[in-house]
All heavy atoms as atom14 arrays in JSON, in Angstrom:
{
  "sequence": "SVAVGTGGVMAAVSVRRRWLRSLRVRVVTTAVITTCSGLGALLSVVA",
  "atom14_mask": [
    [1, 1, 1, 1, 1, 1, 0, 0, 0, 0, 0, 0, 0, 0],
    [1, 1, 1, 1, 1, 1, 1, 0, 0, 0, 0, 0, 0, 0],
    [1, 1, 1, 1, 1, 0, 0, 0, 0, 0, 0, 0, 0, 0],
    [1, 1, 1, 1, 1, 1, 1, 0, 0, 0, 0, 0, 0, 0],
    [1, 1, 1, 1, 0, 0, 0, 0, 0, 0, 0, 0, 0, 0],
    [1, 1, 1, 1, 1, 1, 1, 0, 0, 0, 0, 0, 0, 0],
    [1, 1, 1, 1, 0, 0, 0, 0, 0, 0, 0, 0, 0, 0],
    [1, 1, 1, 1, 0, 0, 0, 0, 0, 0, 0, 0, 0, 0],
    [1, 1, 1, 1, 1, 1, 1, 0, 0, 0, 0, 0, 0, 0],
    [1, 1, 1, 1, 1, 1, 1, 1, 0, 0, 0, 0, 0, 0],
    [1, 1, 1, 1, 1, 0, 0, 0, 0, 0, 0, 0, 0, 0],
    [1, 1, 1, 1, 1, 0, 0, 0, 0, 0, 0, 0, 0, 0],
    [1, 1, 1, 1, 1, 1, 1, 0, 0, 0, 0, 0, 0, 0],
    [1, 1, 1, 1, 1, 1, 0, 0, 0, 0, 0, 0, 0, 0],
    [1, 1, 1, 1, 1, 1, 1, 0, 0, 0, 0, 0, 0, 0],
    [1, 1, 1, 1, 1, 1, 1, 1, 1, 1, 1, 0, 0, 0],
    [1, 1, 1, 1, 1, 1, 1, 1, 1, 1, 1, 0, 0, 0],
    [1, 1, 1, 1, 1, 1, 1, 1, 1, 1, 1, 0, 0, 0],
    [1, 1, 1, 1, 1, 1, 1, 1, 1, 1, 1, 1, 1, 1],
    [1, 1, 1, 1, 1, 1, 1, 1, 0, 0, 0, 0, 0, 0],
    [1, 1, 1, 1, 1, 1, 1, 1, 1, 1, 1, 0, 0, 0],
    [1, 1, 1, 1, 1, 1, 0, 0, 0, 0, 0, 0, 0, 0],
    [1, 1, 1, 1, 1, 1, 1, 1, 0, 0, 0, 0, 0, 0],
    [1, 1, 1, 1, 1, 1, 1, 1, 1, 1, 1, 0, 0, 0],
    [1, 1, 1, 1, 1, 1, 1, 0, 0, 0, 0, 0, 0, 0],
    [1, 1, 1, 1, 1, 1, 1, 1, 1, 1, 1, 0, 0, 0],
    [1, 1, 1, 1, 1, 1, 1, 0, 0, 0, 0, 0, 0, 0],
    [1, 1, 1, 1, 1, 1, 1, 0, 0, 0, 0, 0, 0, 0],
    [1, 1, 1, 1, 1, 1, 1, 0, 0, 0, 0, 0, 0, 0],
    [1, 1, 1, 1, 1, 1, 1, 0, 0, 0, 0, 0, 0, 0],
    [1, 1, 1, 1, 1, 0, 0, 0, 0, 0, 0, 0, 0, 0],
    [1, 1, 1, 1, 1, 1, 1, 0, 0, 0, 0, 0, 0, 0],
    [1, 1, 1, 1, 1, 1, 1, 1, 0, 0, 0, 0, 0, 0],
    [1, 1, 1, 1, 1, 1, 1, 0, 0, 0, 0, 0, 0, 0],
    [1, 1, 1, 1, 1, 1, 1, 0, 0, 0, 0, 0, 0, 0],
    [1, 1, 1, 1, 1, 1, 0, 0, 0, 0, 0, 0, 0, 0],
    [1, 1, 1, 1, 1, 1, 0, 0, 0, 0, 0, 0, 0, 0],
    [1, 1, 1, 1, 0, 0, 0, 0, 0, 0, 0, 0, 0, 0],
    [1, 1, 1, 1, 1, 1, 1, 1, 0, 0, 0, 0, 0, 0],
    [1, 1, 1, 1, 0, 0, 0, 0, 0, 0, 0, 0, 0, 0],
    [1, 1, 1, 1, 1, 0, 0, 0, 0, 0, 0, 0, 0, 0],
    [1, 1, 1, 1, 1, 1, 1, 1, 0, 0, 0, 0, 0, 0],
    [1, 1, 1, 1, 1, 1, 1, 1, 0, 0, 0, 0, 0, 0],
    [1, 1, 1, 1, 1, 1, 0, 0, 0, 0, 0, 0, 0, 0],
    [1, 1, 1, 1, 1, 1, 1, 0, 0, 0, 0, 0, 0, 0],
    [1, 1, 1, 1, 1, 1, 1, 0, 0, 0, 0, 0, 0, 0],
    [1, 1, 1, 1, 1, 0, 0, 0, 0, 0, 0, 0, 0, 0]
  ],
  "atom14_positions": [
    [[0.83, -1.21, 0.0], [0.0, 0.0, 0.0], [0.85, 1.25, 0.0], [0.53, 2.24, -0.65], [-0.94, 0.01, 1.21], [-1.94, -0.95, 1.05], [0.0, 0.0, 0.0], [0.0, 0.0, 0.0], [0.0, 0.0, 0.0], [0.0, 0.0, 0.0], [0.0, 0.0, 0.0], [0.0, 0.0, 0.0], [0.0, 0.0, 0.0], [0.0, 0.0, 0.0]],
    [[1.94, 1.23, 0.72], [2.86, 2.37, 0.73], [3.45, 2.56, -0.67], [3.55, 3.69, -1.18], [3.98, 2.17, 1.78], [5.02, 3.25, 1.67], [3.37, 2.14, 3.18], [0.0, 0.0, 0.0], [0.0, 0.0, 0.0], [0.0, 0.0, 0.0], [0.0, 0.0, 0.0], [0.0, 0.0, 0.0], [0.0, 0.0, 0.0], [0.0, 0.0, 0.0]],
    [[3.79, 1.45, -1.33], [4.33, 1.53, -2.69], [3.29, 2.08, -3.66], [3.6, 2.93, -4.51], [4.81, 0.16, -3.15], [0.0, 0.0, 0.0], [0.0, 0.0, 0.0], [0.0, 0.0, 0.0], [0.0, 0.0, 0.0], [0.0, 0.0, 0.0], [0.0, 0.0, 0.0], [0.0, 0.0, 0.0], [0.0, 0.0, 0.0], [0.0, 0.0, 0.0]],
    [[2.05, 1.62, -3.55], [0.98, 2.12, -4.42], [0.71, 3.6, -4.14], [0.5, 4.39, -5.06], [-0.3, 1.28, -4.25], [-1.48, 1.92, -4.96], [-0.08, -0.13, -4.77], [0.0, 0.0, 0.0], [0.0, 0.0, 0.0], [0.0, 0.0, 0.0], [0.0, 0.0, 0.0], [0.0, 0.0, 0.0], [0.0, 0.0, 0.0], [0.0, 0.0, 0.0]],
    [[0.72, 3.98, -2.87], [0.53, 5.38, -2.5], [1.62, 6.28, -3.07], [1.35, 7.36, -3.6], [0.0, 0.0, 0.0], [0.0, 0.0, 0.0], [0.0, 0.0, 0.0], [0.0, 0.0, 0.0], [0.0, 0.0, 0.0], [0.0, 0.0, 0.0], [0.0, 0.0, 0.0], [0.0, 0.0, 0.0], [0.0, 0.0, 0.0], [0.0, 0.0, 0.0]],
    [[2.86, 5.79, -3.02], [3.97, 6.54, -3.59], [3.82, 6.67, -5.11], [4.03, 7.74, -5.68], [5.3, 5.84, -3.25], [5.41, 5.74, -1.83], [6.49, 6.6, -3.81], [0.0, 0.0, 0.0], [0.0, 0.0, 0.0], [0.0, 0.0, 0.0], [0.0, 0.0, 0.0], [0.0, 0.0, 0.0], [0.0, 0.0, 0.0], [0.0, 0.0, 0.0]],
    [[3.41, 5.58, -5.74], [3.16, 5.63, -7.18], [2.04, 6.57, -7.54], [2.11, 7.29, -8.55], [0.0, 0.0, 0.0], [0.0, 0.0, 0.0], [0.0, 0.0, 0.0], [0.0, 0.0, 0.0], [0.0, 0.0, 0.0], [0.0, 0.0, 0.0], [0.0, 0.0, 0.0], [0.0, 0.0, 0.0], [0.0, 0.0, 0.0], [0.0, 0.0, 0.0]],
    [[1.0, 6.6, -6.72], [-0.11, 7.52, -6.95], [0.31, 8.97, -6.85], [-0.1, 9.81, -7.67], [0.0, 0.0, 0.0], [0.0, 0.0, 0.0], [0.0, 0.0, 0.0], [0.0, 0.0, 0.0], [0.0, 0.0, 0.0], [0.0, 0.0, 0.0], [0.0, 0.0, 0.0], [0.0, 0.0, 0.0], [0.0, 0.0, 0.0], [0.0, 0.0, 0.0]],
    [[1.13, 9.27, -5.87], [1.64, 10.64, -5.72], [2.5, 11.02, -6.92], [2.35, 12.11, -7.5], [2.44, 10.79, -4.41], [3.19, 12.11, -4.37], [1.52, 10.67, -3.21], [0.0, 0.0, 0.0], [0.0, 0.0, 0.0], [0.0, 0.0, 0.0], [0.0, 0.0, 0.0], [0.0, 0.0, 0.0], [0.0, 0.0, 0.0], [0.0, 0.0, 0.0]],
    [[3.38, 10.11, -7.33], [4.26, 10.4, -8.47], [3.45, 10.6, -9.75], [3.73, 11.5, -10.54], [5.28, 9.28, -8.63], [6.3, 9.25, -7.52], [7.38, 7.8, -7.47], [7.82, 7.55, -9.14], [0.0, 0.0, 0.0], [0.0, 0.0, 0.0], [0.0, 0.0, 0.0], [0.0, 0.0, 0.0], [0.0, 0.0, 0.0], [0.0, 0.0, 0.0]],
    [[2.44, 9.76, -9.96], [1.61, 9.9, -11.15], [0.83, 11.21, -11.14], [0.73, 11.91, -12.16], [0.65, 8.71, -11.26], [0.0, 0.0, 0.0], [0.0, 0.0, 0.0], [0.0, 0.0, 0.0], [0.0, 0.0, 0.0], [0.0, 0.0, 0.0], [0.0, 0.0, 0.0], [0.0, 0.0, 0.0], [0.0, 0.0, 0.0], [0.0, 0.0, 0.0]],
    [[0.27, 11.56, -9.98], [-0.51, 12.79, -9.88], [0.37, 14.02, -10.1], [-0.04, 14.98, -10.77], [-1.2, 12.87, -8.52], [0.0, 0.0, 0.0], [0.0, 0.0, 0.0], [0.0, 0.0, 0.0], [0.0, 0.0, 0.0], [0.0, 0.0, 0.0], [0.0, 0.0, 0.0], [0.0, 0.0, 0.0], [0.0, 0.0, 0.0], [0.0, 0.0, 0.0]],
    [[1.58, 14.01, -9.57], [2.5, 15.13, -9.78], [2.86, 15.25, -11.25], [2.92, 16.35, -11.81], [3.76, 14.98, -8.89], [4.84, 15.95, -9.29], [3.38, 15.17, -7.43], [0.0, 0.0, 0.0], [0.0, 0.0, 0.0], [0.0, 0.0, 0.0], [0.0, 0.0, 0.0], [0.0, 0.0, 0.0], [0.0, 0.0, 0.0], [0.0, 0.0, 0.0]],
    [[3.08, 14.11, -11.89], [3.41, 14.11, -13.32], [2.25, 14.67, -14.16], [2.47, 15.49, -15.05], [3.74, 12.69, -13.76], [3.96, 12.64, -15.14], [0.0, 0.0, 0.0], [0.0, 0.0, 0.0], [0.0, 0.0, 0.0], [0.0, 0.0, 0.0], [0.0, 0.0, 0.0], [0.0, 0.0, 0.0], [0.0, 0.0, 0.0], [0.0, 0.0, 0.0]],
    [[1.04, 14.23, -13.87], [-0.14, 14.74, -14.59], [-0.31, 16.23, -14.33], [-0.61, 17.01, -15.24], [-1.4, 13.95, -14.18], [-2.66, 14.63, -14.66], [-1.33, 12.53, -14.7], [0.0, 0.0, 0.0], [0.0, 0.0, 0.0], [0.0, 0.0, 0.0], [0.0, 0.0, 0.0], [0.0, 0.0, 0.0], [0.0, 0.0, 0.0], [0.0, 0.0, 0.0]],
    [[-0.11, 16.62, -13.1], [-0.27, 18.04, -12.74], [0.72, 18.92, -13.49], [0.38, 20.02, -13.94], [-0.1, 18.19, -11.23], [-0.42, 19.56, -10.72], [-0.23, 19.61, -9.22], [-0.6, 20.9, -8.73], [-1.57, 21.13, -7.85], [-2.24, 20.12, -7.36], [-1.84, 22.32, -7.46], [0.0, 0.0, 0.0], [0.0, 0.0, 0.0], [0.0, 0.0, 0.0]],
    [[1.95, 18.45, -13.63], [2.96, 19.23, -14.36], [2.63, 19.32, -15.84], [2.95, 20.3, -16.5], [4.34, 18.62, -14.18], [4.9, 18.87, -12.82], [6.29, 18.32, -12.71], [6.81, 18.55, -11.37], [7.84, 17.9, -10.86], [8.46, 16.98, -11.56], [8.24, 18.16, -9.64], [0.0, 0.0, 0.0], [0.0, 0.0, 0.0], [0.0, 0.0, 0.0]],
    [[2.01, 18.27, -16.36], [1.68, 18.23, -17.79], [0.59, 19.22, -18.14], [0.63, 19.86, -19.17], [1.25, 16.8, -18.15], [0.75, 16.63, -19.54], [1.89, 16.36, -20.51], [1.37, 15.97, -21.8], [1.32, 16.78, -22.85], [1.77, 18.0, -22.76], [0.85, 16.35, -23.98], [0.0, 0.0, 0.0], [0.0, 0.0, 0.0], [0.0, 0.0, 0.0]],
    [[-0.43, 19.33, -17.29], [-1.57, 20.23, -17.54], [-1.66, 21.27, -16.43], [-2.61, 21.27, -15.63], [-2.86, 19.43, -17.62], [-2.95, 18.59, -18.85], [-3.22, 19.04, -20.1], [-2.77, 17.19, -18.95], [-3.21, 17.98, -20.97], [-2.94, 16.84, -20.3], [-2.47, 16.18, -18.03], [-2.82, 15.53, -20.75], [-2.35, 14.88, -18.48], [-2.52, 14.57, -19.82]],
    [[-0.71, 22.18, -16.42], [-0.63, 23.19, -15.36], [-1.81, 24.16, -15.36], [-2.21, 24.64, -14.31], [0.65, 24.01, -15.52], [1.94, 23.35, -15.05], [3.12, 24.21, -15.41], [1.89, 23.1, -13.57], [0.0, 0.0, 0.0], [0.0, 0.0, 0.0], [0.0, 0.0, 0.0], [0.0, 0.0, 0.0], [0.0, 0.0, 0.0], [0.0, 0.0, 0.0]],
    [[-2.36, 24.45, -16.52], [-3.37, 25.5, -16.61], [-4.79, 25.04, -16.31], [-5.67, 25.86, -16.16], [-3.32, 26.13, -18.0], [-2.0, 26.81, -18.23], [-1.92, 27.36, -19.63], [-0.55, 27.74, -19.92], [-0.18, 28.99, -20.13], [-1.05, 29.94, -20.11], [1.07, 29.26, -20.38], [0.0, 0.0, 0.0], [0.0, 0.0, 0.0], [0.0, 0.0, 0.0]],
    [[-5.01, 23.74, -16.23], [-6.36, 23.22, -16.0], [-6.69, 23.21, -14.51], [-6.04, 22.53, -13.72], [-6.49, 21.8, -16.55], [-7.72, 21.24, -16.18], [0.0, 0.0, 0.0], [0.0, 0.0, 0.0], [0.0, 0.0, 0.0], [0.0, 0.0, 0.0], [0.0, 0.0, 0.0], [0.0, 0.0, 0.0], [0.0, 0.0, 0.0], [0.0, 0.0, 0.0]],
    [[-7.71, 23.97, -14.14], [-8.12, 24.03, -12.74], [-8.6, 22.67, -12.25], [-8.25, 22.25, -11.14], [-9.23, 25.08, -12.55], [-9.78, 25.19, -11.13], [-8.7, 25.61, -10.16], [-10.93, 26.17, -11.1], [0.0, 0.0, 0.0], [0.0, 0.0, 0.0], [0.0, 0.0, 0.0], [0.0, 0.0, 0.0], [0.0, 0.0, 0.0], [0.0, 0.0, 0.0]],
    [[-9.37, 21.97, -13.06], [-9.88, 20.67, -12.64], [-8.75, 19.68, -12.41], [-8.78, 18.92, -11.45], [-10.86, 20.11, -13.66], [-11.45, 18.78, -13.19], [-12.6, 18.32, -14.02], [-13.71, 19.25, -13.84], [-14.67, 19.42, -14.71], [-14.68, 18.74, -15.83], [-15.65, 20.27, -14.49], [0.0, 0.0, 0.0], [0.0, 0.0, 0.0], [0.0, 0.0, 0.0]],
    [[-7.74, 19.7, -13.27], [-6.6, 18.8, -13.08], [-5.88, 19.13, -11.78], [-5.51, 18.24, -11.02], [-5.63, 18.86, -14.28], [-4.32, 18.16, -13.98], [-6.29, 18.26, -15.51], [0.0, 0.0, 0.0], [0.0, 0.0, 0.0], [0.0, 0.0, 0.0], [0.0, 0.0, 0.0], [0.0, 0.0, 0.0], [0.0, 0.0, 0.0], [0.0, 0.0, 0.0]],
    [[-5.72, 20.41, -11.51], [-5.06, 20.8, -10.25], [-5.85, 20.35, -9.04], [-5.29, 19.85, -8.06], [-4.83, 22.31, -10.21], [-3.69, 22.75, -11.11], [-3.41, 24.2, -10.95], [-4.59, 24.94, -11.45], [-4.72, 26.23, -11.4], [-3.79, 26.98, -10.87], [-5.8, 26.81, -11.9], [0.0, 0.0, 0.0], [0.0, 0.0, 0.0], [0.0, 0.0, 0.0]],
    [[-7.18, 20.5, -9.1], [-8.02, 20.13, -7.96], [-8.01, 18.61, -7.76], [-7.85, 18.12, -6.63], [-9.46, 20.66, -8.18], [-10.42, 20.08, -7.18], [-9.48, 22.17, -8.11], [0.0, 0.0, 0.0], [0.0, 0.0, 0.0], [0.0, 0.0, 0.0], [0.0, 0.0, 0.0], [0.0, 0.0, 0.0], [0.0, 0.0, 0.0], [0.0, 0.0, 0.0]],
    [[-8.16, 17.87, -8.83], [-8.2, 16.41, -8.73], [-6.84, 15.86, -8.31], [-6.77, 14.96, -7.46], [-8.68, 15.79, -10.06], [-8.46, 14.29, -10.08], [-10.15, 16.12, -10.29], [0.0, 0.0, 0.0], [0.0, 0.0, 0.0], [0.0, 0.0, 0.0], [0.0, 0.0, 0.0], [0.0, 0.0, 0.0], [0.0, 0.0, 0.0], [0.0, 0.0, 0.0]],
    [[-5.76, 16.37, -8.89], [-4.45, 15.87, -8.49], [-4.11, 16.23, -7.05], [-3.44, 15.45, -6.37], [-3.34, 16.37, -9.44], [-3.38, 17.79, -9.52], [-3.47, 15.74, -10.81], [0.0, 0.0, 0.0], [0.0, 0.0, 0.0], [0.0, 0.0, 0.0], [0.0, 0.0, 0.0], [0.0, 0.0, 0.0], [0.0, 0.0, 0.0], [0.0, 0.0, 0.0]],
    [[-4.59, 17.36, -6.57], [-4.41, 17.69, -5.15], [-5.12, 16.67, -4.28], [-4.57, 16.24, -3.26], [-4.93, 19.11, -4.86], [-4.19, 20.05, -5.63], [-4.81, 19.45, -3.39], [0.0, 0.0, 0.0], [0.0, 0.0, 0.0], [0.0, 0.0, 0.0], [0.0, 0.0, 0.0], [0.0, 0.0, 0.0], [0.0, 0.0, 0.0], [0.0, 0.0, 0.0]],
    [[-6.32, 16.28, -4.67], [-7.06, 15.26, -3.91], [-6.33, 13.92, -3.92], [-6.22, 13.26, -2.88], [-8.47, 15.1, -4.49], [0.0, 0.0, 0.0], [0.0, 0.0, 0.0], [0.0, 0.0, 0.0], [0.0, 0.0, 0.0], [0.0, 0.0, 0.0], [0.0, 0.0, 0.0], [0.0, 0.0, 0.0], [0.0, 0.0, 0.0], [0.0, 0.0, 0.0]],
    [[-5.8, 13.53, -5.07], [-5.07, 12.27, -5.17], [-3.79, 12.32, -4.35], [-3.47, 11.38, -3.61], [-4.77, 11.92, -6.64], [-3.82, 10.74, -6.75], [-6.06, 11.64, -7.4], [0.0, 0.0, 0.0], [0.0, 0.0, 0.0], [0.0, 0.0, 0.0], [0.0, 0.0, 0.0], [0.0, 0.0, 0.0], [0.0, 0.0, 0.0], [0.0, 0.0, 0.0]],
    [[-3.04, 13.41, -4.47], [-1.78, 13.55, -3.72], [-2.04, 13.51, -2.22], [-1.35, 12.83, -1.47], [-1.05, 14.84, -4.13], [-0.53, 14.72, -5.57], [0.08, 15.17, -3.17], [-0.08, 16.03, -6.18], [0.0, 0.0, 0.0], [0.0, 0.0, 0.0], [0.0, 0.0, 0.0], [0.0, 0.0, 0.0], [0.0, 0.0, 0.0], [0.0, 0.0, 0.0]],
    [[-3.05, 14.24, -1.78], [-3.36, 14.28, -0.35], [-3.8, 12.91, 0.16], [-3.35, 12.46, 1.21], [-4.46, 15.32, -0.09], [-4.04, 16.58, -0.61], [-4.75, 15.46, 1.38], [0.0, 0.0, 0.0], [0.0, 0.0, 0.0], [0.0, 0.0, 0.0], [0.0, 0.0, 0.0], [0.0, 0.0, 0.0], [0.0, 0.0, 0.0], [0.0, 0.0, 0.0]],
    [[-4.69, 12.26, -0.58], [-5.19, 10.95, -0.16], [-4.08, 9.91, -0.14], [-3.91, 9.19, 0.85], [-6.33, 10.49, -1.08], [-7.35, 11.48, -1.09], [-6.91, 9.17, -0.63], [0.0, 0.0, 0.0], [0.0, 0.0, 0.0], [0.0, 0.0, 0.0], [0.0, 0.0, 0.0], [0.0, 0.0, 0.0], [0.0, 0.0, 0.0], [0.0, 0.0, 0.0]],
    [[-3.33, 9.82, -1.22], [-2.25, 8.82, -1.29], [-1.16, 9.09, -0.24], [-0.66, 8.15, 0.38], [-1.65, 8.8, -2.69], [-2.71, 8.08, -3.94], [0.0, 0.0, 0.0], [0.0, 0.0, 0.0], [0.0, 0.0, 0.0], [0.0, 0.0, 0.0], [0.0, 0.0, 0.0], [0.0, 0.0, 0.0], [0.0, 0.0, 0.0], [0.0, 0.0, 0.0]],
    [[-0.82, 10.34, -0.05], [0.22, 10.67, 0.94], [-0.25, 10.34, 2.35], [0.49, 9.74, 3.13], [0.56, 12.16, 0.87], [1.09, 12.49, -0.37], [0.0, 0.0, 0.0], [0.0, 0.0, 0.0], [0.0, 0.0, 0.0], [0.0, 0.0, 0.0], [0.0, 0.0, 0.0], [0.0, 0.0, 0.0], [0.0, 0.0, 0.0], [0.0, 0.0, 0.0]],
    [[-1.46, 10.75, 2.67], [-1.99, 10.51, 4.01], [-2.14, 9.04, 4.33], [-1.69, 8.57, 5.39], [0.0, 0.0, 0.0], [0.0, 0.0, 0.0], [0.0, 0.0, 0.0], [0.0, 0.0, 0.0], [0.0, 0.0, 0.0], [0.0, 0.0, 0.0], [0.0, 0.0, 0.0], [0.0, 0.0, 0.0], [0.0, 0.0, 0.0], [0.0, 0.0, 0.0]],
    [[-2.77, 8.3, 3.42], [-2.95, 6.86, 3.66], [-1.61, 6.13, 3.62], [-1.38, 5.21, 4.42], [-3.91, 6.27, 2.63], [-5.37, 6.67, 2.8], [-6.2, 6.12, 1.65], [-5.92, 6.2, 4.13], [0.0, 0.0, 0.0], [0.0, 0.0, 0.0], [0.0, 0.0, 0.0], [0.0, 0.0, 0.0], [0.0, 0.0, 0.0], [0.0, 0.0, 0.0]],
    [[-0.73, 6.52, 2.72], [0.6, 5.9, 2.67], [1.38, 6.11, 3.96], [2.01, 5.19, 4.47], [0.0, 0.0, 0.0], [0.0, 0.0, 0.0], [0.0, 0.0, 0.0], [0.0, 0.0, 0.0], [0.0, 0.0, 0.0], [0.0, 0.0, 0.0], [0.0, 0.0, 0.0], [0.0, 0.0, 0.0], [0.0, 0.0, 0.0], [0.0, 0.0, 0.0]],
    [[1.33, 7.33, 4.48], [2.03, 7.62, 5.74], [1.41, 6.84, 6.9], [2.13, 6.26, 7.72], [1.99, 9.12, 6.02], [0.0, 0.0, 0.0], [0.0, 0.0, 0.0], [0.0, 0.0, 0.0], [0.0, 0.0, 0.0], [0.0, 0.0, 0.0], [0.0, 0.0, 0.0], [0.0, 0.0, 0.0], [0.0, 0.0, 0.0], [0.0, 0.0, 0.0]],
    [[0.1, 6.81, 6.95], [-0.59, 6.08, 8.02], [-0.26, 4.59, 7.96], [0.06, 3.97, 8.98], [-2.1, 6.3, 7.91], [-2.97, 5.6, 8.95], [-2.68, 6.15, 10.33], [-4.43, 5.78, 8.61], [0.0, 0.0, 0.0], [0.0, 0.0, 0.0], [0.0, 0.0, 0.0], [0.0, 0.0, 0.0], [0.0, 0.0, 0.0], [0.0, 0.0, 0.0]],
    [[-0.31, 4.02, 6.77], [-0.02, 2.6, 6.63], [1.45, 2.27, 6.86], [1.78, 1.18, 7.32], [-0.49, 2.1, 5.27], [-2.01, 2.02, 5.14], [-2.41, 1.78, 3.7], [-2.57, 0.95, 6.03], [0.0, 0.0, 0.0], [0.0, 0.0, 0.0], [0.0, 0.0, 0.0], [0.0, 0.0, 0.0], [0.0, 0.0, 0.0], [0.0, 0.0, 0.0]],
    [[2.35, 3.2, 6.57], [3.76, 2.95, 6.87], [4.01, 2.92, 8.37], [4.81, 2.13, 8.85], [4.67, 3.98, 6.17], [4.42, 5.26, 6.68], [0.0, 0.0, 0.0], [0.0, 0.0, 0.0], [0.0, 0.0, 0.0], [0.0, 0.0, 0.0], [0.0, 0.0, 0.0], [0.0, 0.0, 0.0], [0.0, 0.0, 0.0], [0.0, 0.0, 0.0]],
    [[3.3, 3.77, 9.1], [3.41, 3.74, 10.57], [2.85, 2.43, 11.1], [3.45, 1.79, 11.97], [2.68, 4.96, 11.18], [2.54, 4.81, 12.68], [3.41, 6.25, 10.85], [0.0, 0.0, 0.0], [0.0, 0.0, 0.0], [0.0, 0.0, 0.0], [0.0, 0.0, 0.0], [0.0, 0.0, 0.0], [0.0, 0.0, 0.0], [0.0, 0.0, 0.0]],
    [[1.69, 2.01, 10.57], [1.1, 0.75, 11.01], [2.03, -0.42, 10.71], [2.22, -1.31, 11.53], [-0.29, 0.54, 10.35], [-0.81, -0.87, 10.57], [-1.27, 1.57, 10.88], [0.0, 0.0, 0.0], [0.0, 0.0, 0.0], [0.0, 0.0, 0.0], [0.0, 0.0, 0.0], [0.0, 0.0, 0.0], [0.0, 0.0, 0.0], [0.0, 0.0, 0.0]],
    [[2.63, -0.43, 9.52], [3.56, -1.5, 9.15], [4.78, -1.51, 10.06], [5.27, -2.57, 10.46], [3.97, -1.35, 7.69], [0.0, 0.0, 0.0], [0.0, 0.0, 0.0], [0.0, 0.0, 0.0], [0.0, 0.0, 0.0], [0.0, 0.0, 0.0], [0.0, 0.0, 0.0], [0.0, 0.0, 0.0], [0.0, 0.0, 0.0], [0.0, 0.0, 0.0]]
  ]
}
């Protein structure tokens, strides 16, 4: 799960850089980055 969360963050950052001007992309990638980072951090502590 930590690996998948890291991959999700990397993918979202990559998509965000590709489409900088799209508000929807920024909002959605922020949601993905926040969710993946938070759950990844929580699960790494649990592990």
